[in-house]
Amino acid sequence: MERSNTVREENLLIVVAVEEYSRRHGISANETIKLFKEYGIFDSIRQCYDTLHTQDIYECVEFAEDILKRKSA
């Protein structure tokens, strides 16, 4: 896959993760983005793209939640 396609797909996973996390936790997308930036979630999603893109699209949210639980413990 071309790099530009990969970047678009990574961005799609990030958007889904932000939107779904916001919905699940009753917070705004802006609050979620701030939280994800603080804990490096965006970088983690990009680093694990090769695995995450083979999973259900909402697996990205589970991945983000797991990182947040581990880093905030």
PDB file of N, CA and C in Angstrom:
ATOM      1  N   MET A   1       0.845  -1.174   0.000  1.00  0.00           N
ATOM      2  CA  MET A   1       0.000   0.000   0.000  1.00  0.00           C
ATOM      3  C   MET A   1       0.892   1.240   0.000  1.00  0.00           C
ATOM      4  N   GLU A   2       0.515   2.244  -0.775  1.00  0.00           N
ATOM      5  CA  GLU A   2       1.266   3.483  -0.796  1.00  0.00           C
ATOM      6  C   GLU A   2       1.202   4.152   0.564  1.00  0.00           C
ATOM      7  N   ARG A   3       2.234   4.908   0.867  1.00  0.00           N
ATOM      8  CA  ARG A   3       2.296   5.580   2.163  1.00  0.00           C
ATOM      9  C   ARG A   3       1.112   6.528   2.364  1.00  0.00           C
ATOM     10  N   SER A   4       0.700   7.241   1.309  1.00  0.00           N
ATOM     11  CA  SER A   4      -0.422   8.173   1.467  1.00  0.00           C
ATOM     12  C   SER A   4      -1.706   7.429   1.821  1.00  0.00           C
ATOM     13  N   ASN A   5      -1.891   6.231   1.249  1.00  0.00           N
ATOM     14  CA  ASN A   5      -3.061   5.420   1.609  1.00  0.00           C
ATOM     15  C   ASN A   5      -2.967   4.957   3.056  1.00  0.00           C
ATOM     16  N   THR A   6      -1.786   4.584   3.473  1.00  0.00           N
ATOM     17  CA  THR A   6      -1.590   4.145   4.850  1.00  0.00           C
ATOM     18  C   THR A   6      -1.884   5.284   5.818  1.00  0.00           C
ATOM     19  N   VAL A   7      -1.410   6.477   5.505  1.00  0.00           N
ATOM     20  CA  VAL A   7      -1.659   7.629   6.370  1.00  0.00           C
ATOM     21  C   VAL A   7      -3.154   7.891   6.466  1.00  0.00           C
ATOM     22  N   ARG A   8      -3.866   7.805   5.350  1.00  0.00           N
ATOM     23  CA  ARG A   8      -5.320   7.996   5.378  1.00  0.00           C
ATOM     24  C   ARG A   8      -5.989   6.947   6.254  1.00  0.00           C
ATOM     25  N   GLU A   9      -5.559   5.713   6.140  1.00  0.00           N
ATOM     26  CA  GLU A   9      -6.139   4.634   6.944  1.00  0.00           C
ATOM     27  C   GLU A   9      -5.809   4.802   8.427  1.00  0.00           C
ATOM     28  N   GLU A  10      -4.596   5.233   8.724  1.00  0.00           N
ATOM     29  CA  GLU A  10      -4.234   5.513  10.116  1.00  0.00           C
ATOM     30  C   GLU A  10      -5.124   6.616  10.669  1.00  0.00           C
ATOM     31  N   ASN A  11      -5.319   7.659   9.874  1.00  0.00           N
ATOM     32  CA  ASN A  11      -6.169   8.778  10.293  1.00  0.00           C
ATOM     33  C   ASN A  11      -7.602   8.318  10.525  1.00  0.00           C
ATOM     34  N   LEU A  12      -8.087   7.410   9.690  1.00  0.00           N
ATOM     35  CA  LEU A  12      -9.439   6.873   9.864  1.00  0.00           C
ATOM     36  C   LEU A  12      -9.559   6.155  11.205  1.00  0.00           C
ATOM     37  N   LEU A  13      -8.576   5.346  11.535  1.00  0.00           N
ATOM     38  CA  LEU A  13      -8.603   4.650  12.823  1.00  0.00           C
ATOM     39  C   LEU A  13      -8.593   5.645  13.982  1.00  0.00           C
ATOM     40  N   ILE A  14      -7.821   6.701  13.841  1.00  0.00           N
ATOM     41  CA  ILE A  14      -7.751   7.718  14.893  1.00  0.00           C
ATOM     42  C   ILE A  14      -9.092   8.427  15.046  1.00  0.00           C
ATOM     43  N   VAL A  15      -9.715   8.791  13.937  1.00  0.00           N
ATOM     44  CA  VAL A  15     -11.018   9.464  13.994  1.00  0.00           C
ATOM     45  C   VAL A  15     -12.052   8.566  14.655  1.00  0.00           C
ATOM     46  N   VAL A  16     -12.086   7.300  14.266  1.00  0.00           N
ATOM     47  CA  VAL A  16     -13.034   6.361  14.862  1.00  0.00           C
ATOM     48  C   VAL A  16     -12.769   6.221  16.358  1.00  0.00           C
ATOM     49  N   ALA A  17     -11.512   6.120  16.725  1.00  0.00           N
ATOM     50  CA  ALA A  17     -11.169   5.981  18.141  1.00  0.00           C
ATOM     51  C   ALA A  17     -11.620   7.207  18.937  1.00  0.00           C
ATOM     52  N   VAL A  18     -11.379   8.394  18.401  1.00  0.00           N
ATOM     53  CA  VAL A  18     -11.781   9.622  19.096  1.00  0.00           C
ATOM     54  C   VAL A  18     -13.299   9.689  19.226  1.00  0.00           C
ATOM     55  N   GLU A  19     -13.989   9.467  18.131  1.00  0.00           N
ATOM     56  CA  GLU A  19     -15.453   9.568  18.158  1.00  0.00           C
ATOM     57  C   GLU A  19     -16.083   8.535  19.090  1.00  0.00           C
ATOM     58  N   GLU A  20     -15.618   7.309  18.996  1.00  0.00           N
ATOM     59  CA  GLU A  20     -16.213   6.248  19.811  1.00  0.00           C
ATOM     60  C   GLU A  20     -15.843   6.406  21.286  1.00  0.00           C
ATOM     61  N   TYR A  21     -14.604   6.778  21.582  1.00  0.00           N
ATOM     62  CA  TYR A  21     -14.205   7.003  22.970  1.00  0.00           C
ATOM     63  C   TYR A  21     -15.039   8.129  23.570  1.00  0.00           C
ATOM     64  N   SER A  22     -15.212   9.204  22.805  1.00  0.00           N
ATOM     65  CA  SER A  22     -16.026  10.332  23.264  1.00  0.00           C
ATOM     66  C   SER A  22     -17.443   9.888  23.586  1.00  0.00           C
ATOM     67  N   ARG A  23     -18.019   9.094  22.690  1.00  0.00           N
ATOM     68  CA  ARG A  23     -19.388   8.601  22.887  1.00  0.00           C
ATOM     69  C   ARG A  23     -19.477   7.701  24.109  1.00  0.00           C
ATOM     70  N   ARG A  24     -18.557   6.766  24.228  1.00  0.00           N
ATOM     71  CA  ARG A  24     -18.590   5.809  25.347  1.00  0.00           C
ATOM     72  C   ARG A  24     -18.437   6.477  26.701  1.00  0.00           C
ATOM     73  N   HIS A  25     -17.644   7.533  26.747  1.00  0.00           N
ATOM     74  CA  HIS A  25     -17.315   8.159  28.029  1.00  0.00           C
ATOM     75  C   HIS A  25     -18.046   9.481  28.259  1.00  0.00           C
ATOM     76  N   GLY A  26     -18.908   9.860  27.327  1.00  0.00           N
ATOM     77  CA  GLY A  26     -19.719  11.058  27.495  1.00  0.00           C
ATOM     78  C   GLY A  26     -18.919  12.347  27.581  1.00  0.00           C
ATOM     79  N   ILE A  27     -17.828  12.411  26.823  1.00  0.00           N
ATOM     80  CA  ILE A  27     -17.018  13.629  26.806  1.00  0.00           C
ATOM     81  C   ILE A  27     -16.930  14.134  25.364  1.00  0.00           C
ATOM     82  N   SER A  28     -16.495  15.367  25.218  1.00  0.00           N
ATOM     83  CA  SER A  28     -16.407  15.944  23.877  1.00  0.00           C
ATOM     84  C   SER A  28     -15.209  15.366  23.113  1.00  0.00           C
ATOM     85  N   ALA A  29     -15.276  15.518  21.806  1.00  0.00           N
ATOM     86  CA  ALA A  29     -14.148  15.084  20.973  1.00  0.00           C
ATOM     87  C   ALA A  29     -12.897  15.875  21.337  1.00  0.00           C
ATOM     88  N   ASN A  30     -13.057  17.156  21.644  1.00  0.00           N
ATOM     89  CA  ASN A  30     -11.899  17.974  22.027  1.00  0.00           C
ATOM     90  C   ASN A  30     -11.252  17.459  23.311  1.00  0.00           C
ATOM     91  N   GLU A  31     -12.067  17.047  24.270  1.00  0.00           N
ATOM     92  CA  GLU A  31     -11.527  16.481  25.516  1.00  0.00           C
ATOM     93  C   GLU A  31     -10.796  15.169  25.226  1.00  0.00           C
ATOM     94  N   THR A  32     -11.371  14.368  24.346  1.00  0.00           N
ATOM     95  CA  THR A  32     -10.744  13.102  23.985  1.00  0.00           C
ATOM     96  C   THR A  32      -9.417  13.345  23.278  1.00  0.00           C
ATOM     97  N   ILE A  33      -9.389  14.288  22.364  1.00  0.00           N
ATOM     98  CA  ILE A  33      -8.151  14.601  21.650  1.00  0.00           C
ATOM     99  C   ILE A  33      -7.075  15.043  22.638  1.00  0.00           C
ATOM    100  N   LYS A  34      -7.435  15.892  23.578  1.00  0.00           N
ATOM    101  CA  LYS A  34      -6.478  16.347  24.594  1.00  0.00           C
ATOM    102  C   LYS A  34      -5.935  15.166  25.402  1.00  0.00           C
ATOM    103  N   LEU A  35      -6.826  14.282  25.813  1.00  0.00           N
ATOM    104  CA  LEU A  35      -6.438  13.097  26.577  1.00  0.00           C
ATOM    105  C   LEU A  35      -5.530  12.182  25.753  1.00  0.00           C
ATOM    106  N   PHE A  36      -5.907  11.941  24.509  1.00  0.00           N
ATOM    107  CA  PHE A  36      -5.113  11.078  23.633  1.00  0.00           C
ATOM    108  C   PHE A  36      -3.730  11.674  23.379  1.00  0.00           C
ATOM    109  N   LYS A  37      -3.657  12.984  23.212  1.00  0.00           N
ATOM    110  CA  LYS A  37      -2.351  13.633  23.015  1.00  0.00           C
ATOM    111  C   LYS A  37      -1.493  13.478  24.266  1.00  0.00           C
ATOM    112  N   GLU A  38      -2.108  13.710  25.412  1.00  0.00           N
ATOM    113  CA  GLU A  38      -1.385  13.639  26.681  1.00  0.00           C
ATOM    114  C   GLU A  38      -0.761  12.260  26.906  1.00  0.00           C
ATOM    115  N   TYR A  39      -1.479  11.219  26.504  1.00  0.00           N
ATOM    116  CA  TYR A  39      -1.014   9.853  26.742  1.00  0.00           C
ATOM    117  C   TYR A  39      -0.403   9.183  25.516  1.00  0.00           C
ATOM    118  N   GLY A  40      -0.181   9.921  24.444  1.00  0.00           N
ATOM    119  CA  GLY A  40       0.502   9.376  23.268  1.00  0.00           C
ATOM    120  C   GLY A  40      -0.304   8.349  22.494  1.00  0.00           C
ATOM    121  N   ILE A  41      -1.627   8.425  22.585  1.00  0.00           N
ATOM    122  CA  ILE A  41      -2.486   7.435  21.923  1.00  0.00           C
ATOM    123  C   ILE A  41      -2.356   7.507  20.402  1.00  0.00           C
ATOM    124  N   PHE A  42      -2.286   8.715  19.862  1.00  0.00           N
ATOM    125  CA  PHE A  42      -2.188   8.843  18.412  1.00  0.00           C
ATOM    126  C   PHE A  42      -0.948   8.146  17.877  1.00  0.00           C
ATOM    127  N   ASP A  43       0.183   8.372  18.537  1.00  0.00           N
ATOM    128  CA  ASP A  43       1.423   7.716  18.113  1.00  0.00           C
ATOM    129  C   ASP A  43       1.322   6.200  18.248  1.00  0.00           C
ATOM    130  N   SER A  44       0.692   5.752  19.323  1.00  0.00           N
ATOM    131  CA  SER A  44       0.539   4.311  19.541  1.00  0.00           C
ATOM    132  C   SER A  44      -0.328   3.669  18.465  1.00  0.00           C
ATOM    133  N   ILE A  45      -1.410   4.336  18.085  1.00  0.00           N
ATOM    134  CA  ILE A  45      -2.269   3.807  17.022  1.00  0.00           C
ATOM    135  C   ILE A  45      -1.482   3.718  15.721  1.00  0.00           C
ATOM    136  N   ARG A  46      -0.720   4.767  15.411  1.00  0.00           N
ATOM    137  CA  ARG A  46       0.082   4.749  14.179  1.00  0.00           C
ATOM    138  C   ARG A  46       1.136   3.637  14.220  1.00  0.00           C
ATOM    139  N   GLN A  47       1.777   3.457  15.370  1.00  0.00           N
ATOM    140  CA  GLN A  47       2.811   2.425  15.494  1.00  0.00           C
ATOM    141  C   GLN A  47       2.234   1.023  15.368  1.00  0.00           C
ATOM    142  N   CYS A  48       1.005   0.831  15.798  1.00  0.00           N
ATOM    143  CA  CYS A  48       0.381  -0.494  15.779  1.00  0.00           C
ATOM    144  C   CYS A  48      -0.602  -0.654  14.622  1.00  0.00           C
ATOM    145  N   TYR A  49      -0.536   0.233  13.653  1.00  0.00           N
ATOM    146  CA  TYR A  49      -1.471   0.215  12.534  1.00  0.00           C
ATOM    147  C   TYR A  49      -1.510  -1.144  11.839  1.00  0.00           C
ATOM    148  N   ASP A  50      -0.345  -1.746  11.604  1.00  0.00           N
ATOM    149  CA  ASP A  50      -0.307  -3.017  10.868  1.00  0.00           C
ATOM    150  C   ASP A  50      -1.175  -4.086  11.516  1.00  0.00           C
ATOM    151  N   THR A  51      -1.247  -4.085  12.815  1.00  0.00           N
ATOM    152  CA  THR A  51      -2.111  -5.038  13.521  1.00  0.00           C
ATOM    153  C   THR A  51      -3.538  -4.517  13.627  1.00  0.00           C
ATOM    154  N   LEU A  52      -3.687  -3.260  14.006  1.00  0.00           N
ATOM    155  CA  LEU A  52      -5.019  -2.708  14.245  1.00  0.00           C
ATOM    156  C   LEU A  52      -5.900  -2.703  12.999  1.00  0.00           C
ATOM    157  N   HIS A  53      -5.300  -2.487  11.841  1.00  0.00           N
ATOM    158  CA  HIS A  53      -6.153  -2.404  10.649  1.00  0.00           C
ATOM    159  C   HIS A  53      -6.705  -3.764  10.231  1.00  0.00           C
ATOM    160  N   THR A  54      -6.207  -4.825  10.837  1.00  0.00           N
ATOM    161  CA  THR A  54      -6.743  -6.162  10.522  1.00  0.00           C
ATOM    162  C   THR A  54      -7.873  -6.546  11.480  1.00  0.00           C
ATOM    163  N   GLN A  55      -8.098  -5.714  12.500  1.00  0.00           N
ATOM    164  CA  GLN A  55      -9.108  -5.984  13.518  1.00  0.00           C
ATOM    165  C   GLN A  55     -10.400  -5.239  13.192  1.00  0.00           C
ATOM    166  N   ASP A  56     -11.429  -5.513  13.959  1.00  0.00           N
ATOM    167  CA  ASP A  56     -12.654  -4.723  13.898  1.00  0.00           C
ATOM    168  C   ASP A  56     -12.275  -3.265  14.141  1.00  0.00           C
ATOM    169  N   ILE A  57     -12.917  -2.359  13.439  1.00  0.00           N
ATOM    170  CA  ILE A  57     -12.534  -0.949  13.517  1.00  0.00           C
ATOM    171  C   ILE A  57     -12.633  -0.396  14.939  1.00  0.00           C
ATOM    172  N   TYR A  58     -13.543  -0.923  15.729  1.00  0.00           N
ATOM    173  CA  TYR A  58     -13.693  -0.438  17.105  1.00  0.00           C
ATOM    174  C   TYR A  58     -12.636  -1.002  18.052  1.00  0.00           C
ATOM    175  N   GLU A  59     -11.833  -1.920  17.581  1.00  0.00           N
ATOM    176  CA  GLU A  59     -10.731  -2.450  18.381  1.00  0.00           C
ATOM    177  C   GLU A  59      -9.754  -1.334  18.751  1.00  0.00           C
ATOM    178  N   CYS A  60      -9.695  -0.315  17.921  1.00  0.00           N
ATOM    179  CA  CYS A  60      -8.834   0.833  18.179  1.00  0.00           C
ATOM    180  C   CYS A  60      -9.221   1.522  19.488  1.00  0.00           C
ATOM    181  N   VAL A  61     -10.511   1.572  19.762  1.00  0.00           N
ATOM    182  CA  VAL A  61     -10.986   2.190  20.997  1.00  0.00           C
ATOM    183  C   VAL A  61     -10.554   1.349  22.187  1.00  0.00           C
ATOM    184  N   GLU A  62     -10.707   0.048  22.072  1.00  0.00           N
ATOM    185  CA  GLU A  62     -10.269  -0.855  23.146  1.00  0.00           C
ATOM    186  C   GLU A  62      -8.770  -0.695  23.381  1.00  0.00           C
ATOM    187  N   PHE A  63      -8.016  -0.572  22.311  1.00  0.00           N
ATOM    188  CA  PHE A  63      -6.573  -0.368  22.378  1.00  0.00           C
ATOM    189  C   PHE A  63      -6.267   0.925  23.140  1.00  0.00           C
ATOM    190  N   ALA A  64      -6.951   2.008  22.779  1.00  0.00           N
ATOM    191  CA  ALA A  64      -6.743   3.301  23.442  1.00  0.00           C
ATOM    192  C   ALA A  64      -7.113   3.215  24.919  1.00  0.00           C
ATOM    193  N   GLU A  65      -8.243   2.583  25.221  1.00  0.00           N
ATOM    194  CA  GLU A  65      -8.666   2.454  26.617  1.00  0.00           C
ATOM    195  C   GLU A  65      -7.648   1.660  27.428  1.00  0.00           C
ATOM    196  N   ASP A  66      -7.104   0.624  26.840  1.00  0.00           N
ATOM    197  CA  ASP A  66      -6.103  -0.181  27.533  1.00  0.00           C
ATOM    198  C   ASP A  66      -4.856   0.646  27.845  1.00  0.00           C
ATOM    199  N   ILE A  67      -4.407   1.428  26.882  1.00  0.00           N
ATOM    200  CA  ILE A  67      -3.240   2.284  27.122  1.00  0.00           C
ATOM    201  C   ILE A  67      -3.526   3.273  28.240  1.00  0.00           C
ATOM    202  N   LEU A  68      -4.684   3.903  28.187  1.00  0.00           N
ATOM    203  CA  LEU A  68      -5.040   4.889  29.214  1.00  0.00           C
ATOM    204  C   LEU A  68      -5.105   4.252  30.605  1.00  0.00           C
ATOM    205  N   LYS A  69      -5.666   3.060  30.682  1.00  0.00           N
ATOM    206  CA  LYS A  69      -5.744   2.364  31.983  1.00  0.00           C
ATOM    207  C   LYS A  69      -4.350   2.077  32.524  1.00  0.00           C
ATOM    208  N   ARG A  70      -3.470   1.580  31.647  1.00  0.00           N
ATOM    209  CA  ARG A  70      -2.117   1.239  32.094  1.00  0.00           C
ATOM    210  C   ARG A  70      -1.309   2.475  32.486  1.00  0.00           C
ATOM    211  N   LYS A  71      -1.437   3.540  31.713  1.00  0.00           N
ATOM    212  CA  LYS A  71      -0.629   4.737  31.972  1.00  0.00           C
ATOM    213  C   LYS A  71      -1.160   5.585  33.124  1.00  0.00           C
ATOM    214  N   SER A  72      -2.454   5.470  33.420  1.00  0.00           N
ATOM    215  CA  SER A  72      -3.005   6.279  34.506  1.00  0.00           C
ATOM    216  C   SER A  72      -3.034   5.522  35.826  1.00  0.00           C
ATOM    217  N   ALA A  73      -2.638   4.268  35.809  1.00  0.00           N
ATOM    218  CA  ALA A  73      -2.643   3.457  37.045  1.00  0.00           C
ATOM    219  C   ALA A  73      -1.460   3.792  37.910  1.00  0.00           C
TER     220      ALA A  73
END
